[in-house]
Amino acid sequence: MSSFFKDENLDCKPFIEAHRNPEAIDWDKTYDGFDAAVDWPTCTFYKELMVKYPDAKVLLTVRTPESWYASMCKTIIPMTGRYKEIKSERAKDIADMAAEVVMDGILVDEEKIKDEKTIQKLFTDHVEEVKRHVPSDRLLVMELGEGWDRLCQFLGKEVPKVPYPKTNSTTSFQDRVSKYFE
């Protein structure tokens, strides 16, 4: 998701089309220039992408549903009520895509998104569905912030000599999106 804000040449509209009709999307074109993808909107389409890219591996980052929801409350959920304040056309396109694709549109349902138990259940149901669907040889389940070791082993890569990244903090998210409301 953050790539859309960093690179104005990336088109988020194919993800809306894919959500409406997954068979019609040209995944090679959509992911041109990328070797990997994380977060939304990609995680919405993990089943289709596994078929398209049969050698791809899936990383499932887990945490408690309570901590995930608390993070959502500090980042994404406050943005849902400010949708009409967005000034940038580009950001409006991204918000439209997120409104439809992320968690099947639940972000635009201001009442449902505040239902902590329902949203936490969506999270845990997704985690369990991925575990059931992805073959174990293609799946690495790792704790949020776990570090490089198991990840690099799973991917067959050397452990980098740089610290494990932490780039999606609440503050960095708020800084990244706040400029679209000014």
N, C-alpha and C. Protein backbone atom coordinates (compact mmCIF):
# COMPACT_ATOMS: atom_id res chain seq x y z
N MET A 1 0.83 -1.20 0.00
CA MET A 1 0.00 0.00 0.00
C MET A 1 0.86 1.25 0.00
N SER A 2 1.94 1.23 0.78
CA SER A 2 2.78 2.43 0.85
C SER A 2 3.44 2.74 -0.48
N SER A 3 3.64 1.74 -1.33
CA SER A 3 4.26 1.98 -2.64
C SER A 3 3.43 2.93 -3.49
N PHE A 4 2.13 2.89 -3.34
CA PHE A 4 1.27 3.80 -4.12
C PHE A 4 1.53 5.26 -3.76
N PHE A 5 1.84 5.50 -2.50
CA PHE A 5 2.12 6.87 -2.07
C PHE A 5 3.53 7.30 -2.45
N LYS A 6 4.44 6.33 -2.55
CA LYS A 6 5.83 6.65 -2.87
C LYS A 6 6.07 6.81 -4.37
N ASP A 7 5.32 6.08 -5.18
CA ASP A 7 5.55 6.09 -6.63
C ASP A 7 4.26 6.43 -7.35
N GLU A 8 4.17 7.64 -7.82
CA GLU A 8 2.94 8.11 -8.47
C GLU A 8 2.67 7.43 -9.80
N ASN A 9 3.64 6.67 -10.33
CA ASN A 9 3.43 5.94 -11.57
C ASN A 9 2.69 4.62 -11.36
N LEU A 10 2.61 4.18 -10.12
CA LEU A 10 1.90 2.93 -9.84
C LEU A 10 0.40 3.16 -9.90
N ASP A 11 -0.27 2.27 -10.59
CA ASP A 11 -1.71 2.38 -10.76
C ASP A 11 -2.43 1.46 -9.79
N CYS A 12 -3.25 2.01 -8.93
CA CYS A 12 -3.97 1.20 -7.95
C CYS A 12 -5.29 0.66 -8.50
N LYS A 13 -5.74 1.19 -9.63
CA LYS A 13 -7.04 0.79 -10.17
C LYS A 13 -7.14 -0.69 -10.57
N PRO A 14 -6.05 -1.33 -11.04
CA PRO A 14 -6.18 -2.76 -11.34
C PRO A 14 -6.63 -3.60 -10.15
N PHE A 15 -6.33 -3.15 -8.94
CA PHE A 15 -6.75 -3.91 -7.78
C PHE A 15 -8.26 -3.83 -7.57
N ILE A 16 -8.87 -2.72 -7.95
CA ILE A 16 -10.33 -2.63 -7.91
C ILE A 16 -10.91 -3.59 -8.95
N GLU A 17 -10.33 -3.57 -10.14
CA GLU A 17 -10.79 -4.48 -11.20
C GLU A 17 -10.62 -5.93 -10.77
N ALA A 18 -9.49 -6.25 -10.14
CA ALA A 18 -9.25 -7.62 -9.68
C ALA A 18 -10.23 -8.02 -8.59
N HIS A 19 -10.60 -7.09 -7.74
CA HIS A 19 -11.57 -7.40 -6.69
C HIS A 19 -12.93 -7.72 -7.29
N ARG A 20 -13.27 -7.02 -8.35
CA ARG A 20 -14.55 -7.25 -9.01
C ARG A 20 -14.53 -8.48 -9.91
N ASN A 21 -13.38 -8.75 -10.53
CA ASN A 21 -13.26 -9.88 -11.44
C ASN A 21 -11.81 -10.37 -11.47
N PRO A 22 -11.42 -11.24 -10.53
CA PRO A 22 -10.03 -11.67 -10.42
C PRO A 22 -9.45 -12.33 -11.67
N GLU A 23 -10.30 -12.94 -12.49
CA GLU A 23 -9.82 -13.61 -13.70
C GLU A 23 -9.38 -12.62 -14.77
N ALA A 24 -9.84 -11.39 -14.69
CA ALA A 24 -9.57 -10.40 -15.75
C ALA A 24 -8.27 -9.63 -15.56
N ILE A 25 -7.61 -9.81 -14.45
CA ILE A 25 -6.43 -9.00 -14.15
C ILE A 25 -5.17 -9.57 -14.79
N ASP A 26 -4.32 -8.70 -15.26
CA ASP A 26 -3.01 -9.09 -15.77
C ASP A 26 -2.01 -8.88 -14.63
N TRP A 27 -1.78 -9.94 -13.85
CA TRP A 27 -0.94 -9.84 -12.66
C TRP A 27 0.49 -9.47 -13.04
N ASP A 28 0.99 -9.99 -14.19
CA ASP A 28 2.36 -9.65 -14.59
C ASP A 28 2.50 -8.15 -14.80
N LYS A 29 1.53 -7.54 -15.43
CA LYS A 29 1.57 -6.09 -15.66
C LYS A 29 1.42 -5.34 -14.34
N THR A 30 0.51 -5.79 -13.49
CA THR A 30 0.25 -5.13 -12.21
C THR A 30 1.49 -5.13 -11.32
N TYR A 31 2.24 -6.23 -11.33
CA TYR A 31 3.42 -6.36 -10.48
C TYR A 31 4.74 -6.18 -11.25
N ASP A 32 4.67 -5.58 -12.43
CA ASP A 32 5.87 -5.34 -13.22
C ASP A 32 6.88 -4.51 -12.41
N GLY A 33 8.11 -5.01 -12.34
CA GLY A 33 9.15 -4.32 -11.60
C GLY A 33 9.27 -4.75 -10.14
N PHE A 34 8.40 -5.64 -9.68
CA PHE A 34 8.42 -6.09 -8.30
C PHE A 34 8.76 -7.58 -8.23
N ASP A 35 9.53 -7.96 -7.23
CA ASP A 35 9.84 -9.36 -6.97
C ASP A 35 9.03 -9.88 -5.79
N ALA A 36 8.46 -8.96 -5.03
CA ALA A 36 7.71 -9.33 -3.83
C ALA A 36 6.70 -8.23 -3.53
N ALA A 37 5.73 -8.59 -2.71
CA ALA A 37 4.72 -7.62 -2.30
C ALA A 37 4.27 -7.97 -0.89
N VAL A 38 3.90 -6.92 -0.14
CA VAL A 38 3.42 -7.12 1.22
C VAL A 38 2.18 -6.28 1.45
N ASP A 39 1.42 -6.63 2.47
CA ASP A 39 0.31 -5.80 2.94
C ASP A 39 -0.83 -5.78 1.93
N TRP A 40 -1.78 -4.91 2.22
CA TRP A 40 -2.89 -4.70 1.29
C TRP A 40 -2.40 -3.85 0.14
N PRO A 41 -2.92 -3.99 -1.01
CA PRO A 41 -4.01 -4.86 -1.44
C PRO A 41 -3.59 -6.28 -1.78
N THR A 42 -2.28 -6.55 -1.83
CA THR A 42 -1.80 -7.87 -2.25
C THR A 42 -2.38 -9.01 -1.44
N CYS A 43 -2.45 -8.87 -0.12
CA CYS A 43 -2.90 -9.99 0.70
C CYS A 43 -4.34 -10.38 0.40
N THR A 44 -5.11 -9.49 -0.18
CA THR A 44 -6.48 -9.82 -0.58
C THR A 44 -6.48 -10.90 -1.66
N PHE A 45 -5.44 -10.92 -2.47
CA PHE A 45 -5.39 -11.78 -3.66
C PHE A 45 -4.38 -12.91 -3.54
N TYR A 46 -4.03 -13.32 -2.32
CA TYR A 46 -2.97 -14.31 -2.19
C TYR A 46 -3.31 -15.62 -2.88
N LYS A 47 -4.56 -16.04 -2.91
CA LYS A 47 -4.92 -17.30 -3.57
C LYS A 47 -4.70 -17.21 -5.08
N GLU A 48 -5.15 -16.12 -5.68
CA GLU A 48 -4.97 -15.94 -7.12
C GLU A 48 -3.49 -15.82 -7.47
N LEU A 49 -2.74 -15.12 -6.64
CA LEU A 49 -1.31 -14.95 -6.90
C LEU A 49 -0.54 -16.26 -6.73
N MET A 50 -0.97 -17.10 -5.81
CA MET A 50 -0.33 -18.41 -5.65
C MET A 50 -0.51 -19.27 -6.89
N VAL A 51 -1.66 -19.18 -7.53
CA VAL A 51 -1.91 -19.92 -8.77
C VAL A 51 -1.06 -19.34 -9.89
N LYS A 52 -1.05 -18.03 -10.01
CA LYS A 52 -0.31 -17.36 -11.07
C LYS A 52 1.20 -17.58 -10.92
N TYR A 53 1.68 -17.56 -9.68
CA TYR A 53 3.11 -17.70 -9.41
C TYR A 53 3.33 -18.92 -8.50
N PRO A 54 3.32 -20.12 -9.08
CA PRO A 54 3.34 -21.36 -8.28
C PRO A 54 4.62 -21.58 -7.47
N ASP A 55 5.68 -20.84 -7.76
CA ASP A 55 6.91 -20.98 -6.97
C ASP A 55 7.02 -19.91 -5.89
N ALA A 56 6.06 -19.01 -5.84
CA ALA A 56 6.10 -17.93 -4.86
C ALA A 56 5.91 -18.48 -3.45
N LYS A 57 6.57 -17.83 -2.53
CA LYS A 57 6.42 -18.18 -1.12
C LYS A 57 5.53 -17.15 -0.45
N VAL A 58 4.88 -17.56 0.61
CA VAL A 58 3.95 -16.69 1.33
C VAL A 58 4.46 -16.50 2.75
N LEU A 59 4.57 -15.24 3.14
CA LEU A 59 4.95 -14.90 4.50
C LEU A 59 3.71 -14.40 5.22
N LEU A 60 3.40 -15.01 6.33
CA LEU A 60 2.24 -14.61 7.12
C LEU A 60 2.76 -14.08 8.46
N THR A 61 2.66 -12.77 8.61
CA THR A 61 3.09 -12.15 9.86
C THR A 61 1.91 -12.15 10.82
N VAL A 62 2.13 -12.67 12.00
CA VAL A 62 1.05 -12.77 12.98
C VAL A 62 1.38 -11.98 14.23
N ARG A 63 0.34 -11.68 14.95
CA ARG A 63 0.42 -11.00 16.24
C ARG A 63 -0.92 -11.24 16.91
N THR A 64 -1.09 -10.74 18.11
CA THR A 64 -2.38 -10.94 18.76
C THR A 64 -3.43 -10.09 18.04
N PRO A 65 -4.65 -10.56 17.98
CA PRO A 65 -5.69 -9.74 17.36
C PRO A 65 -5.90 -8.43 18.10
N GLU A 66 -5.65 -8.44 19.40
CA GLU A 66 -5.80 -7.22 20.19
C GLU A 66 -4.77 -6.17 19.77
N SER A 67 -3.51 -6.59 19.59
CA SER A 67 -2.48 -5.63 19.20
C SER A 67 -2.69 -5.16 17.76
N TRP A 68 -3.18 -6.04 16.91
CA TRP A 68 -3.46 -5.66 15.53
C TRP A 68 -4.58 -4.62 15.49
N TYR A 69 -5.64 -4.87 16.22
CA TYR A 69 -6.75 -3.91 16.24
C TYR A 69 -6.32 -2.57 16.86
N ALA A 70 -5.52 -2.63 17.91
CA ALA A 70 -5.02 -1.40 18.52
C ALA A 70 -4.21 -0.59 17.51
N SER A 71 -3.41 -1.27 16.71
CA SER A 71 -2.64 -0.60 15.67
C SER A 71 -3.57 0.00 14.62
N MET A 72 -4.59 -0.75 14.21
CA MET A 72 -5.57 -0.23 13.25
C MET A 72 -6.24 1.04 13.79
N CYS A 73 -6.53 1.03 15.10
CA CYS A 73 -7.19 2.20 15.71
C CYS A 73 -6.30 3.44 15.72
N LYS A 74 -4.99 3.24 15.68
CA LYS A 74 -4.07 4.37 15.67
C LYS A 74 -3.70 4.82 14.25
N THR A 75 -3.99 4.00 13.27
CA THR A 75 -3.53 4.30 11.91
C THR A 75 -4.69 4.38 10.92
N ILE A 76 -5.20 3.26 10.51
CA ILE A 76 -6.16 3.19 9.41
C ILE A 76 -7.56 3.67 9.80
N ILE A 77 -8.06 3.25 10.93
CA ILE A 77 -9.43 3.58 11.31
C ILE A 77 -9.67 5.09 11.42
N PRO A 78 -8.75 5.87 11.99
CA PRO A 78 -9.00 7.33 12.01
C PRO A 78 -9.11 7.94 10.61
N MET A 79 -8.50 7.31 9.62
CA MET A 79 -8.57 7.82 8.25
C MET A 79 -9.95 7.58 7.63
N THR A 80 -10.65 6.56 8.08
CA THR A 80 -11.93 6.22 7.45
C THR A 80 -12.94 7.34 7.59
N GLY A 81 -12.93 8.02 8.71
CA GLY A 81 -13.87 9.11 8.91
C GLY A 81 -13.46 10.41 8.23
N ARG A 82 -12.26 10.46 7.70
CA ARG A 82 -11.74 11.68 7.07
C ARG A 82 -11.70 11.56 5.54
N TYR A 83 -12.28 10.55 5.00
CA TYR A 83 -12.22 10.27 3.57
C TYR A 83 -12.58 11.49 2.71
N LYS A 84 -13.62 12.20 3.09
CA LYS A 84 -14.07 13.35 2.30
C LYS A 84 -13.12 14.55 2.38
N GLU A 85 -12.19 14.52 3.32
CA GLU A 85 -11.23 15.63 3.47
C GLU A 85 -10.01 15.51 2.56
N ILE A 86 -9.85 14.40 1.89
CA ILE A 86 -8.66 14.18 1.06
C ILE A 86 -8.61 15.22 -0.05
N LYS A 87 -7.45 15.86 -0.19
CA LYS A 87 -7.28 16.92 -1.17
C LYS A 87 -6.69 16.42 -2.50
N SER A 88 -5.83 15.45 -2.44
CA SER A 88 -5.12 14.96 -3.61
C SER A 88 -5.96 13.95 -4.40
N GLU A 89 -6.03 14.14 -5.72
CA GLU A 89 -6.75 13.17 -6.57
C GLU A 89 -6.09 11.80 -6.48
N ARG A 90 -4.77 11.78 -6.44
CA ARG A 90 -4.04 10.52 -6.33
C ARG A 90 -4.42 9.81 -5.04
N ALA A 91 -4.44 10.52 -3.94
CA ALA A 91 -4.80 9.92 -2.66
C ALA A 91 -6.25 9.46 -2.66
N LYS A 92 -7.12 10.19 -3.36
CA LYS A 92 -8.53 9.76 -3.47
C LYS A 92 -8.63 8.43 -4.22
N ASP A 93 -7.83 8.27 -5.28
CA ASP A 93 -7.82 7.00 -6.01
C ASP A 93 -7.38 5.85 -5.11
N ILE A 94 -6.33 6.10 -4.33
CA ILE A 94 -5.83 5.07 -3.41
C ILE A 94 -6.88 4.77 -2.35
N ALA A 95 -7.52 5.81 -1.83
CA ALA A 95 -8.56 5.62 -0.81
C ALA A 95 -9.75 4.85 -1.39
N ASP A 96 -10.12 5.14 -2.63
CA ASP A 96 -11.21 4.39 -3.28
C ASP A 96 -10.86 2.92 -3.40
N MET A 97 -9.62 2.65 -3.80
CA MET A 97 -9.18 1.27 -3.91
C MET A 97 -9.22 0.59 -2.54
N ALA A 98 -8.69 1.26 -1.53
CA ALA A 98 -8.68 0.68 -0.19
C ALA A 98 -10.10 0.46 0.32
N ALA A 99 -10.98 1.40 0.03
CA ALA A 99 -12.37 1.30 0.50
C ALA A 99 -13.06 0.06 -0.05
N GLU A 100 -12.71 -0.33 -1.26
CA GLU A 100 -13.34 -1.52 -1.85
C GLU A 100 -12.59 -2.80 -1.56
N VAL A 101 -11.27 -2.76 -1.63
CA VAL A 101 -10.47 -3.98 -1.62
C VAL A 101 -10.07 -4.44 -0.23
N VAL A 102 -9.70 -3.52 0.65
CA VAL A 102 -9.20 -3.88 1.97
C VAL A 102 -10.34 -4.44 2.82
N MET A 103 -10.18 -5.66 3.25
CA MET A 103 -11.18 -6.36 4.07
C MET A 103 -12.57 -6.26 3.45
N ASP A 104 -12.63 -6.40 2.13
CA ASP A 104 -13.90 -6.40 1.39
C ASP A 104 -14.78 -5.18 1.70
N GLY A 105 -14.16 -4.03 1.86
CA GLY A 105 -14.90 -2.79 1.99
C GLY A 105 -15.32 -2.41 3.39
N ILE A 106 -14.89 -3.14 4.37
CA ILE A 106 -15.36 -2.86 5.73
C ILE A 106 -14.85 -1.51 6.25
N LEU A 107 -13.77 -1.00 5.65
CA LEU A 107 -13.22 0.27 6.13
C LEU A 107 -14.19 1.44 5.97
N VAL A 108 -15.10 1.34 5.03
CA VAL A 108 -16.03 2.45 4.83
C VAL A 108 -17.31 2.30 5.65
N ASP A 109 -17.42 1.22 6.40
CA ASP A 109 -18.55 1.03 7.29
C ASP A 109 -18.11 1.49 8.68
N GLU A 110 -18.36 2.77 8.97
CA GLU A 110 -17.83 3.38 10.19
C GLU A 110 -18.32 2.71 11.47
N GLU A 111 -19.50 2.12 11.44
CA GLU A 111 -19.99 1.42 12.63
C GLU A 111 -19.30 0.06 12.79
N LYS A 112 -19.25 -0.70 11.70
CA LYS A 112 -18.67 -2.05 11.78
C LYS A 112 -17.18 -2.00 12.11
N ILE A 113 -16.46 -1.01 11.56
CA ILE A 113 -15.02 -0.93 11.80
C ILE A 113 -14.71 -0.65 13.27
N LYS A 114 -15.66 -0.08 14.00
CA LYS A 114 -15.46 0.20 15.43
C LYS A 114 -15.84 -0.99 16.32
N ASP A 115 -16.38 -2.05 15.71
CA ASP A 115 -16.76 -3.25 16.46
C ASP A 115 -15.51 -4.11 16.65
N GLU A 116 -14.84 -3.88 17.76
CA GLU A 116 -13.55 -4.49 18.03
C GLU A 116 -13.56 -6.01 17.86
N LYS A 117 -14.51 -6.68 18.44
CA LYS A 117 -14.55 -8.15 18.40
C LYS A 117 -14.77 -8.66 16.97
N THR A 118 -15.64 -8.00 16.22
CA THR A 118 -15.89 -8.42 14.84
C THR A 118 -14.64 -8.25 13.99
N ILE A 119 -13.96 -7.13 14.14
CA ILE A 119 -12.76 -6.86 13.34
C ILE A 119 -11.63 -7.80 13.76
N GLN A 120 -11.49 -8.06 15.03
CA GLN A 120 -10.48 -9.01 15.49
C GLN A 120 -10.76 -10.41 14.93
N LYS A 121 -12.02 -10.78 14.87
CA LYS A 121 -12.37 -12.09 14.31
C LYS A 121 -12.04 -12.15 12.82
N LEU A 122 -12.25 -11.07 12.09
CA LEU A 122 -11.84 -11.05 10.68
C LEU A 122 -10.34 -11.31 10.56
N PHE A 123 -9.58 -10.69 11.44
CA PHE A 123 -8.12 -10.88 11.44
C PHE A 123 -7.77 -12.34 11.71
N THR A 124 -8.30 -12.92 12.79
CA THR A 124 -7.95 -14.30 13.14
C THR A 124 -8.48 -15.27 12.09
N ASP A 125 -9.64 -15.01 11.53
CA ASP A 125 -10.17 -15.88 10.46
C ASP A 125 -9.25 -15.86 9.24
N HIS A 126 -8.74 -14.67 8.90
CA HIS A 126 -7.81 -14.56 7.76
C HIS A 126 -6.54 -15.36 8.03
N VAL A 127 -5.98 -15.21 9.21
CA VAL A 127 -4.76 -15.94 9.56
C VAL A 127 -4.99 -17.44 9.43
N GLU A 128 -6.08 -17.92 9.98
CA GLU A 128 -6.37 -19.36 9.93
C GLU A 128 -6.64 -19.83 8.50
N GLU A 129 -7.30 -19.01 7.72
CA GLU A 129 -7.56 -19.37 6.31
C GLU A 129 -6.26 -19.50 5.53
N VAL A 130 -5.35 -18.57 5.73
CA VAL A 130 -4.05 -18.64 5.04
C VAL A 130 -3.32 -19.91 5.45
N LYS A 131 -3.31 -20.22 6.73
CA LYS A 131 -2.64 -21.42 7.21
C LYS A 131 -3.24 -22.68 6.60
N ARG A 132 -4.56 -22.70 6.43
CA ARG A 132 -5.23 -23.87 5.83
C ARG A 132 -4.96 -23.96 4.33
N HIS A 133 -4.91 -22.84 3.67
CA HIS A 133 -4.86 -22.82 2.20
C HIS A 133 -3.45 -22.96 1.62
N VAL A 134 -2.46 -22.37 2.25
CA VAL A 134 -1.10 -22.35 1.69
C VAL A 134 -0.36 -23.61 2.13
N PRO A 135 0.18 -24.37 1.18
CA PRO A 135 0.97 -25.55 1.55
C PRO A 135 2.14 -25.17 2.46
N SER A 136 2.44 -26.02 3.41
CA SER A 136 3.44 -25.70 4.43
C SER A 136 4.82 -25.41 3.84
N ASP A 137 5.17 -26.01 2.70
CA ASP A 137 6.48 -25.75 2.11
C ASP A 137 6.56 -24.37 1.45
N ARG A 138 5.41 -23.71 1.29
CA ARG A 138 5.38 -22.37 0.69
C ARG A 138 5.04 -21.29 1.72
N LEU A 139 4.82 -21.68 2.98
CA LEU A 139 4.34 -20.74 4.00
C LEU A 139 5.32 -20.61 5.16
N LEU A 140 5.62 -19.37 5.51
CA LEU A 140 6.35 -19.08 6.73
C LEU A 140 5.45 -18.21 7.59
N VAL A 141 5.12 -18.71 8.77
CA VAL A 141 4.35 -17.94 9.74
C VAL A 141 5.36 -17.38 10.73
N MET A 142 5.40 -16.06 10.81
CA MET A 142 6.36 -15.44 11.71
C MET A 142 5.71 -14.35 12.54
N GLU A 143 6.21 -14.18 13.74
CA GLU A 143 5.72 -13.15 14.64
C GLU A 143 6.16 -11.77 14.15
N LEU A 144 5.33 -10.80 14.34
CA LEU A 144 5.65 -9.43 13.99
C LEU A 144 6.98 -9.03 14.65
N GLY A 145 7.93 -8.55 13.85
CA GLY A 145 9.21 -8.09 14.38
C GLY A 145 10.18 -9.19 14.75
N GLU A 146 9.93 -10.42 14.31
CA GLU A 146 10.74 -11.57 14.70
C GLU A 146 12.21 -11.45 14.29
N GLY A 147 12.48 -10.84 13.18
CA GLY A 147 13.86 -10.68 12.74
C GLY A 147 14.18 -11.46 11.48
N TRP A 148 15.47 -11.46 11.14
CA TRP A 148 15.92 -12.00 9.86
C TRP A 148 16.06 -13.51 9.79
N ASP A 149 16.45 -14.18 10.87
CA ASP A 149 16.95 -15.55 10.78
C ASP A 149 16.03 -16.53 10.06
N ARG A 150 14.86 -16.77 10.59
CA ARG A 150 13.96 -17.75 9.95
C ARG A 150 13.50 -17.27 8.58
N LEU A 151 13.31 -15.96 8.42
CA LEU A 151 12.90 -15.40 7.14
C LEU A 151 13.94 -15.69 6.07
N CYS A 152 15.18 -15.39 6.36
CA CYS A 152 16.25 -15.61 5.38
C CYS A 152 16.45 -17.09 5.09
N GLN A 153 16.34 -17.91 6.11
CA GLN A 153 16.45 -19.36 5.91
C GLN A 153 15.34 -19.84 4.98
N PHE A 154 14.13 -19.41 5.21
CA PHE A 154 12.97 -19.79 4.38
C PHE A 154 13.16 -19.35 2.94
N LEU A 155 13.72 -18.17 2.74
CA LEU A 155 13.90 -17.62 1.39
C LEU A 155 15.22 -18.06 0.75
N GLY A 156 16.07 -18.75 1.52
CA GLY A 156 17.35 -19.18 0.98
C GLY A 156 18.31 -18.02 0.74
N LYS A 157 18.26 -17.05 1.62
CA LYS A 157 19.08 -15.84 1.48
C LYS A 157 19.99 -15.68 2.69
N GLU A 158 21.07 -14.95 2.50
CA GLU A 158 21.97 -14.60 3.60
C GLU A 158 21.28 -13.58 4.52
N VAL A 159 21.60 -13.65 5.79
CA VAL A 159 21.08 -12.66 6.73
C VAL A 159 21.80 -11.33 6.46
N PRO A 160 21.05 -10.27 6.19
CA PRO A 160 21.68 -8.97 5.93
C PRO A 160 22.43 -8.45 7.15
N LYS A 161 23.39 -7.61 6.88
CA LYS A 161 24.18 -7.01 7.97
C LYS A 161 23.59 -5.67 8.41
N VAL A 162 22.31 -5.53 8.21
CA VAL A 162 21.59 -4.32 8.63
C VAL A 162 20.48 -4.74 9.59
N PRO A 163 20.07 -3.85 10.47
CA PRO A 163 18.98 -4.20 11.40
C PRO A 163 17.69 -4.56 10.66
N TYR A 164 16.92 -5.41 11.27
CA TYR A 164 15.61 -5.78 10.72
C TYR A 164 14.75 -4.51 10.67
N PRO A 165 14.11 -4.23 9.54
CA PRO A 165 13.38 -2.95 9.41
C PRO A 165 12.12 -2.87 10.25
N LYS A 166 11.84 -1.67 10.66
CA LYS A 166 10.59 -1.35 11.35
C LYS A 166 10.12 -0.05 10.72
N THR A 167 9.41 -0.17 9.59
CA THR A 167 9.08 1.02 8.82
C THR A 167 7.62 1.40 8.85
N ASN A 168 6.81 0.65 9.54
CA ASN A 168 5.39 0.96 9.52
C ASN A 168 4.88 1.29 10.93
N SER A 169 5.62 2.10 11.62
CA SER A 169 5.18 2.51 12.96
C SER A 169 3.98 3.44 12.84
N THR A 170 3.28 3.62 13.92
CA THR A 170 2.14 4.54 13.94
C THR A 170 2.56 5.93 13.49
N THR A 171 3.67 6.41 14.02
CA THR A 171 4.13 7.76 13.67
C THR A 171 4.46 7.87 12.19
N SER A 172 5.18 6.88 11.64
CA SER A 172 5.54 6.97 10.22
C SER A 172 4.29 6.89 9.35
N PHE A 173 3.31 6.08 9.74
CA PHE A 173 2.06 6.02 8.98
C PHE A 173 1.36 7.37 9.01
N GLN A 174 1.21 7.94 10.19
CA GLN A 174 0.52 9.22 10.32
C GLN A 174 1.24 10.32 9.54
N ASP A 175 2.56 10.33 9.59
CA ASP A 175 3.32 11.32 8.83
C ASP A 175 3.12 11.13 7.33
N ARG A 176 3.11 9.88 6.89
CA ARG A 176 2.97 9.57 5.47
C ARG A 176 1.63 10.00 4.91
N VAL A 177 0.56 9.81 5.65
CA VAL A 177 -0.77 10.11 5.11
C VAL A 177 -1.29 11.50 5.45
N SER A 178 -0.74 12.13 6.47
CA SER A 178 -1.29 13.43 6.90
C SER A 178 -1.22 14.49 5.82
N LYS A 179 -0.21 14.44 4.97
CA LYS A 179 -0.06 15.47 3.93
C LYS A 179 -1.21 15.45 2.92
N TYR A 180 -1.93 14.35 2.83
CA TYR A 180 -3.04 14.26 1.88
C TYR A 180 -4.32 14.90 2.41
N PHE A 181 -4.28 15.35 3.66
CA PHE A 181 -5.44 15.99 4.26
C PHE A 181 -5.21 17.48 4.48
N GLU A 182 -4.10 17.99 4.02
CA GLU A 182 -3.76 19.41 4.24
C GLU A 182 -4.27 20.27 3.10
